[in-house]
Amino acid sequence: MDFHHLPVLLSECLDALQIRPEGTYLDCTLGGAGHSSQIYRRLTTGTLFGIDRDADAIAAAKERMSAIAGSARFVPIHGNFHDAPALLRQEGVCALDGILADLGVSSYQLDQRERGFSYHDDAPLDMRMDRTQDMSARQIVNEYDEDALCRIFADYGEEKWARQIARVICDRRVHSPIETTAQLVNIVDAAIPKKFRAKDGSHPARRTFQALRIAVNDELAPLEPCLTALAKMLSPGGRLCVITFHSLEDRIVKNTFRRLADPCTCPKNMPVCVCGKKPLVRLITRKPICASDEELRENPRSRSANLRVVERLEDANAIS
């Protein structure tokens, strides 16, 4: 299986994780094991857990990791990393020395035309990361009302023409269902006047496809509680590294990390904290780490990648 995935910010992630050969680590988004294979190579007696909701990714990762010599243990888990604490408890794990989450859709999923993630190919409207789930982009496009579609495009795609796109979808589907990505691209093309298209050369359907993908896979709502739960699973000194690819994800990660590092809810003018909430982590990156010019030349996908890192405090008590 050719599950190609060029890991973004690889050296930066490996440095940030401060990998110990005997440690226990988690790759929340296994993908093609681009990051995981390099973490695994740095382990001796340690263990690496890898989670992915895509069964193809799990199969590809098993194949790739089996080719790496070593005595470390690799445990792939088919599931959603939003459920990582529960999935790891089933494996008997209650503490981790490092966690990596590379959010968003993988290069393999984008390149598999039949998965329906790309606006460059004509394919069935799908966009499911986990193909065992029922909800697909086709269902949303053909069954949600205009207001619900508008909210998805505005909230998850930050699309200025959300209302117009939703209206054209509802008009077109009266005559026949919208089945393919090409049909949806044509709808977006009809809804957005050409004189108002982005001047940066980006595809006019980019925001619409992003919004649908996020809605289909429920990518944002569980992110904040998941990051909080993962931070609580870290051993003292352990690090949580998260790579985001768009502003909606990055805002959630940034705000969650800031809250975990400074949870105090007392008014700022109070001389002494009385709420009793103590920091769980410290910020390692106050501003995100971005790709170098060299990586940008080698991997254009890294252009929008932001890496944020926190470290579990030695004397931290779990915050509510």
Protein backbone atom coordinates (compact mmCIF):
# COMPACT_ATOMS: atom_id res chain seq x y z
CA MET A 1 0.00 0.00 0.00
CA ASP A 2 1.49 3.33 -1.06
CA PHE A 3 0.48 5.56 1.84
CA HIS A 4 2.85 8.42 1.01
CA HIS A 5 3.14 11.08 3.65
CA LEU A 6 5.91 13.67 3.91
CA PRO A 7 5.94 14.71 7.58
CA VAL A 8 5.94 18.45 8.18
CA LEU A 9 8.20 20.13 10.73
CA LEU A 10 9.80 16.75 11.42
CA SER A 11 13.06 17.86 13.00
CA GLU A 12 11.26 20.54 14.99
CA CYS A 13 8.83 17.94 16.39
CA LEU A 14 11.59 15.50 17.28
CA ASP A 15 13.54 18.23 19.05
CA ALA A 16 10.46 19.45 20.91
CA LEU A 17 9.50 15.97 22.13
CA GLN A 18 12.90 15.45 23.77
CA ILE A 19 12.56 11.70 23.19
CA ARG A 20 13.92 9.35 25.83
CA PRO A 21 14.85 5.87 24.50
CA GLU A 22 12.90 4.12 27.27
CA GLY A 23 9.89 6.45 27.18
CA THR A 24 6.25 5.99 26.24
CA TYR A 25 4.96 8.15 23.39
CA LEU A 26 1.77 8.72 21.42
CA ASP A 27 1.26 9.80 17.83
CA CYS A 28 -2.37 10.90 17.80
CA THR A 29 -2.61 11.03 14.01
CA LEU A 30 -0.57 8.14 12.69
CA GLY A 31 -1.11 8.70 8.96
CA GLY A 32 1.65 7.09 6.94
CA ALA A 33 3.90 6.94 10.03
CA GLY A 34 6.16 9.71 8.76
CA HIS A 35 6.58 11.21 12.21
CA SER A 36 6.05 7.91 14.03
CA SER A 37 8.80 6.05 12.20
CA GLN A 38 11.33 8.64 13.30
CA ILE A 39 10.09 8.64 16.89
CA TYR A 40 10.24 4.83 16.88
CA ARG A 41 13.85 4.83 15.61
CA ARG A 42 14.86 6.83 18.69
CA LEU A 43 13.39 4.31 21.13
CA THR A 44 15.19 1.30 22.56
CA THR A 45 13.04 -0.25 25.28
CA GLY A 46 10.28 2.33 24.96
CA THR A 47 6.79 2.10 23.48
CA LEU A 48 5.09 4.11 20.74
CA PHE A 49 1.31 4.15 20.41
CA GLY A 50 -0.22 5.37 17.16
CA ILE A 51 -3.89 6.26 16.64
CA ASP A 52 -5.69 6.81 13.36
CA ARG A 53 -9.33 6.66 12.31
CA ASP A 54 -8.34 5.58 8.77
CA ALA A 55 -7.90 1.82 8.48
CA ASP A 56 -5.66 2.32 5.44
CA ALA A 57 -3.30 4.40 7.59
CA ILE A 58 -3.15 1.70 10.25
CA ALA A 59 -2.29 -0.97 7.68
CA ALA A 60 0.38 1.21 6.04
CA ALA A 61 1.92 2.14 9.39
CA LYS A 62 2.16 -1.50 10.46
CA GLU A 63 3.97 -2.34 7.25
CA ARG A 64 6.36 0.58 7.55
CA MET A 65 7.18 0.01 11.20
CA SER A 66 7.76 -3.72 10.75
CA ALA A 67 10.65 -2.87 8.43
CA ILE A 68 12.45 -0.94 11.20
CA ALA A 69 14.82 -3.02 13.28
CA GLY A 70 14.76 -2.54 17.03
CA SER A 71 13.43 -3.77 20.34
CA ALA A 72 10.97 -0.95 20.98
CA ARG A 73 7.25 -1.72 20.96
CA PHE A 74 4.80 -0.22 18.45
CA VAL A 75 1.07 -0.41 19.17
CA PRO A 76 -1.30 0.84 16.41
CA ILE A 77 -4.85 1.68 17.48
CA HIS A 78 -7.77 2.16 15.08
CA GLY A 79 -9.87 5.00 16.46
CA ASN A 80 -10.31 8.74 16.81
CA PHE A 81 -7.60 10.52 18.78
CA HIS A 82 -10.34 12.58 20.42
CA ASP A 83 -10.96 9.35 22.35
CA ALA A 84 -7.25 8.83 23.10
CA PRO A 85 -7.49 8.71 26.93
CA ALA A 86 -10.11 5.96 26.80
CA LEU A 87 -8.29 4.08 24.03
CA LEU A 88 -5.03 4.18 25.99
CA ARG A 89 -6.69 3.09 29.22
CA GLN A 90 -7.81 -0.02 27.36
CA GLU A 91 -4.11 -0.63 26.67
CA GLY A 92 -3.23 -0.15 30.33
CA VAL A 93 -1.57 3.23 29.79
CA CYS A 94 -2.13 6.09 32.22
CA ALA A 95 0.96 8.27 31.61
CA LEU A 96 2.93 9.39 28.56
CA ASP A 97 6.33 11.01 28.10
CA GLY A 98 5.37 12.79 24.90
CA ILE A 99 2.45 13.30 22.54
CA LEU A 100 2.32 14.48 18.92
CA ALA A 101 -0.82 15.47 17.02
CA ASP A 102 -0.54 16.42 13.32
CA LEU A 103 -4.04 17.70 12.65
CA GLY A 104 -5.99 17.80 9.42
CA VAL A 105 -6.23 15.61 6.35
CA SER A 106 -3.24 13.54 5.23
CA SER A 107 -1.53 13.81 1.85
CA TYR A 108 -2.60 10.24 1.11
CA GLN A 109 -6.26 11.05 1.68
CA LEU A 110 -6.02 14.14 -0.52
CA ASP A 111 -4.34 12.15 -3.28
CA GLN A 112 -6.87 9.30 -3.23
CA ARG A 113 -9.38 10.68 -5.72
CA GLU A 114 -12.19 8.36 -4.64
CA ARG A 115 -12.07 9.71 -1.08
CA GLY A 116 -13.58 12.99 -2.29
CA PHE A 117 -11.37 15.35 -0.29
CA SER A 118 -9.93 17.27 -3.24
CA TYR A 119 -11.60 19.95 -5.33
CA HIS A 120 -9.14 19.24 -8.14
CA ASP A 121 -10.65 15.84 -9.07
CA ASP A 122 -14.12 14.62 -9.90
CA ALA A 123 -15.10 12.01 -7.32
CA PRO A 124 -18.02 10.97 -5.13
CA LEU A 125 -18.73 13.44 -2.33
CA ASP A 126 -17.35 11.58 0.67
CA MET A 127 -14.61 13.22 2.83
CA ARG A 128 -14.80 10.62 5.61
CA MET A 129 -11.50 10.00 7.37
CA ASP A 130 -13.07 6.89 8.88
CA ARG A 131 -14.97 5.15 6.10
CA THR A 132 -16.90 3.04 8.60
CA GLN A 133 -18.87 6.06 9.80
CA ASP A 134 -22.24 6.89 8.25
CA MET A 135 -21.99 10.67 7.86
CA SER A 136 -20.48 11.86 4.58
CA ALA A 137 -20.25 15.12 2.67
CA ARG A 138 -22.96 13.88 0.31
CA GLN A 139 -25.39 13.54 3.20
CA ILE A 140 -24.69 17.04 4.50
CA VAL A 141 -24.93 18.69 1.08
CA ASN A 142 -28.18 16.96 0.16
CA GLU A 143 -30.00 16.85 3.50
CA TYR A 144 -29.05 19.93 5.56
CA ASP A 145 -31.22 23.01 5.14
CA GLU A 146 -29.92 26.33 3.85
CA ASP A 147 -29.31 27.85 7.28
CA ALA A 148 -27.35 24.81 8.49
CA LEU A 149 -25.21 24.76 5.35
CA CYS A 150 -24.58 28.48 5.68
CA ARG A 151 -23.39 28.05 9.26
CA ILE A 152 -21.02 25.25 8.27
CA PHE A 153 -19.45 27.26 5.44
CA ALA A 154 -19.21 30.43 7.55
CA ASP A 155 -18.04 28.87 10.81
CA TYR A 156 -15.73 26.13 9.51
CA GLY A 157 -14.59 27.71 6.25
CA GLU A 158 -14.78 31.40 7.13
CA GLU A 159 -16.42 31.75 3.73
CA LYS A 160 -17.81 35.23 3.00
CA TRP A 161 -20.13 33.81 0.36
CA ALA A 162 -21.57 31.11 2.62
CA ARG A 163 -25.19 32.17 2.19
CA GLN A 164 -24.96 32.32 -1.59
CA ILE A 165 -23.27 28.92 -1.82
CA ALA A 166 -25.86 27.33 0.49
CA ARG A 167 -28.68 28.84 -1.55
CA VAL A 168 -27.35 27.55 -4.88
CA ILE A 169 -26.88 24.08 -3.35
CA CYS A 170 -30.51 24.02 -2.22
CA ASP A 171 -31.70 25.24 -5.63
CA ARG A 172 -29.68 22.64 -7.56
CA ARG A 173 -30.56 19.64 -5.40
CA VAL A 174 -34.29 20.18 -6.02
CA HIS A 175 -33.76 18.81 -9.53
CA SER A 176 -31.28 16.03 -8.71
CA PRO A 177 -28.97 15.06 -5.83
CA ILE A 178 -25.48 16.55 -5.68
CA GLU A 179 -23.28 13.48 -5.90
CA THR A 180 -19.76 14.55 -6.89
CA THR A 181 -17.00 16.97 -6.03
CA ALA A 182 -17.14 18.43 -9.55
CA GLN A 183 -20.82 19.31 -9.07
CA LEU A 184 -19.99 21.08 -5.82
CA VAL A 185 -17.11 22.98 -7.43
CA ASN A 186 -19.48 24.13 -10.18
CA ILE A 187 -21.93 25.33 -7.54
CA VAL A 188 -19.27 27.37 -5.76
CA ASP A 189 -18.17 28.76 -9.11
CA ALA A 190 -21.72 29.86 -9.82
CA ALA A 191 -22.23 31.36 -6.35
CA ILE A 192 -19.11 33.53 -6.09
CA PRO A 193 -18.87 36.38 -8.61
CA LYS A 194 -15.54 36.24 -10.43
CA LYS A 195 -14.64 39.83 -9.58
CA PHE A 196 -14.73 38.90 -5.87
CA ARG A 197 -12.47 35.84 -6.13
CA ALA A 198 -9.34 35.71 -3.97
CA LYS A 199 -6.41 37.52 -5.54
CA ASP A 200 -3.84 35.06 -4.18
CA GLY A 201 -4.71 32.39 -6.73
CA SER A 202 -6.36 30.07 -4.20
CA HIS A 203 -9.15 27.86 -5.49
CA PRO A 204 -12.62 29.39 -4.93
CA ALA A 205 -13.91 26.07 -3.51
CA ARG A 206 -11.09 25.69 -0.98
CA ARG A 207 -13.01 27.12 1.98
CA THR A 208 -16.19 25.21 1.15
CA PHE A 209 -14.34 21.89 0.97
CA GLN A 210 -12.47 22.63 4.19
CA ALA A 211 -15.74 23.42 5.96
CA LEU A 212 -17.44 20.23 4.77
CA ARG A 213 -14.45 18.09 5.74
CA ILE A 214 -14.42 19.57 9.23
CA ALA A 215 -18.18 19.03 9.59
CA VAL A 216 -18.08 15.45 8.29
CA ASN A 217 -15.26 14.44 10.63
CA ASP A 218 -16.27 16.61 13.61
CA GLU A 219 -12.73 17.96 13.82
CA LEU A 220 -13.14 21.08 15.98
CA ALA A 221 -15.71 20.63 18.77
CA PRO A 222 -13.86 17.81 20.60
CA LEU A 223 -10.41 19.37 20.16
CA GLU A 224 -10.25 21.54 23.30
CA PRO A 225 -11.39 18.84 25.78
CA CYS A 226 -9.15 16.32 24.02
CA LEU A 227 -6.05 18.52 24.36
CA THR A 228 -6.85 19.12 28.02
CA ALA A 229 -7.20 15.38 28.66
CA LEU A 230 -3.98 14.62 26.79
CA ALA A 231 -2.05 17.25 28.77
CA LYS A 232 -3.25 15.60 31.98
CA MET A 233 -1.87 12.25 30.76
CA LEU A 234 1.65 13.63 30.46
CA SER A 235 4.26 12.65 33.01
CA PRO A 236 6.06 15.58 34.64
CA GLY A 237 8.36 17.08 32.02
CA GLY A 238 6.47 15.38 29.19
CA ARG A 239 5.56 17.44 26.16
CA LEU A 240 2.49 17.84 23.97
CA CYS A 241 3.21 18.98 20.39
CA VAL A 242 0.39 19.97 18.03
CA ILE A 243 0.64 20.88 14.34
CA THR A 244 -2.25 22.83 12.84
CA PHE A 245 -2.96 23.83 9.25
CA HIS A 246 -5.65 26.50 9.45
CA SER A 247 -6.60 29.37 11.71
CA LEU A 248 -9.61 27.66 13.31
CA GLU A 249 -7.52 24.76 14.64
CA ASP A 250 -4.64 26.99 15.62
CA ARG A 251 -6.88 29.34 17.59
CA ILE A 252 -8.29 26.44 19.62
CA VAL A 253 -4.83 25.01 20.31
CA LYS A 254 -3.40 28.42 21.25
CA ASN A 255 -6.26 29.28 23.60
CA THR A 256 -6.30 25.82 25.20
CA PHE A 257 -2.57 25.90 25.85
CA ARG A 258 -2.81 29.39 27.32
CA ARG A 259 -5.63 28.32 29.64
CA LEU A 260 -3.69 25.26 30.80
CA ALA A 261 -0.64 27.44 31.46
CA ASP A 262 -2.62 30.20 33.20
CA PRO A 263 -6.00 28.88 34.46
CA CYS A 264 -6.51 31.55 37.13
CA THR A 265 -9.97 33.15 36.84
CA CYS A 266 -9.43 35.86 39.45
CA PRO A 267 -9.78 39.49 38.36
CA LYS A 268 -6.45 40.81 37.18
CA ASN A 269 -6.44 43.57 39.78
CA MET A 270 -6.61 41.10 42.67
CA PRO A 271 -3.26 40.95 44.51
CA VAL A 272 -3.64 37.27 45.49
CA CYS A 273 -5.19 34.34 43.61
CA VAL A 274 -8.24 32.96 45.42
CA CYS A 275 -9.68 30.68 42.73
CA GLY A 276 -7.10 28.00 43.54
CA LYS A 277 -6.53 26.95 39.94
CA LYS A 278 -2.90 26.06 39.29
CA PRO A 279 -1.04 25.82 35.96
CA LEU A 280 -0.84 22.35 34.48
CA VAL A 281 1.77 23.13 31.81
CA ARG A 282 4.25 25.76 30.75
CA LEU A 283 4.34 27.18 27.24
CA ILE A 284 7.41 26.11 25.30
CA THR A 285 6.34 28.07 22.22
CA ARG A 286 4.66 31.42 22.82
CA LYS A 287 4.53 31.84 19.06
CA PRO A 288 4.11 28.91 16.68
CA ILE A 289 7.07 27.30 14.96
CA CYS A 290 6.75 27.50 11.17
CA ALA A 291 8.50 25.70 8.33
CA SER A 292 11.93 26.81 7.21
CA ASP A 293 12.54 28.14 3.71
CA GLU A 294 14.24 24.85 2.85
CA GLU A 295 11.23 22.80 3.94
CA LEU A 296 8.87 25.11 2.08
CA ARG A 297 10.80 24.42 -1.11
CA GLU A 298 10.72 20.67 -0.56
CA ASN A 299 7.17 20.38 0.77
CA PRO A 300 4.69 23.14 -0.17
CA ARG A 301 2.10 21.55 2.17
CA SER A 302 4.15 22.85 5.10
CA ARG A 303 3.35 26.45 4.14
CA SER A 304 0.39 26.72 6.51
CA ALA A 305 1.76 24.46 9.28
CA ASN A 306 2.09 25.83 12.82
CA LEU A 307 3.67 23.85 15.67
CA ARG A 308 2.80 24.68 19.29
CA VAL A 309 4.34 22.92 22.30
CA VAL A 310 3.64 22.73 26.04
CA GLU A 311 5.40 20.87 28.84
CA ARG A 312 3.77 19.28 31.89
CA LEU A 313 4.89 20.95 35.09
CA GLU A 314 6.68 18.92 37.71
CA ASP A 315 4.32 19.86 40.54
CA ALA A 316 1.15 20.35 38.52
CA ASN A 317 -2.22 19.33 39.89
CA ALA A 318 -4.91 18.46 37.35
CA ILE A 319 -7.13 21.48 36.74
CA SER A 320 -10.81 21.30 36.11
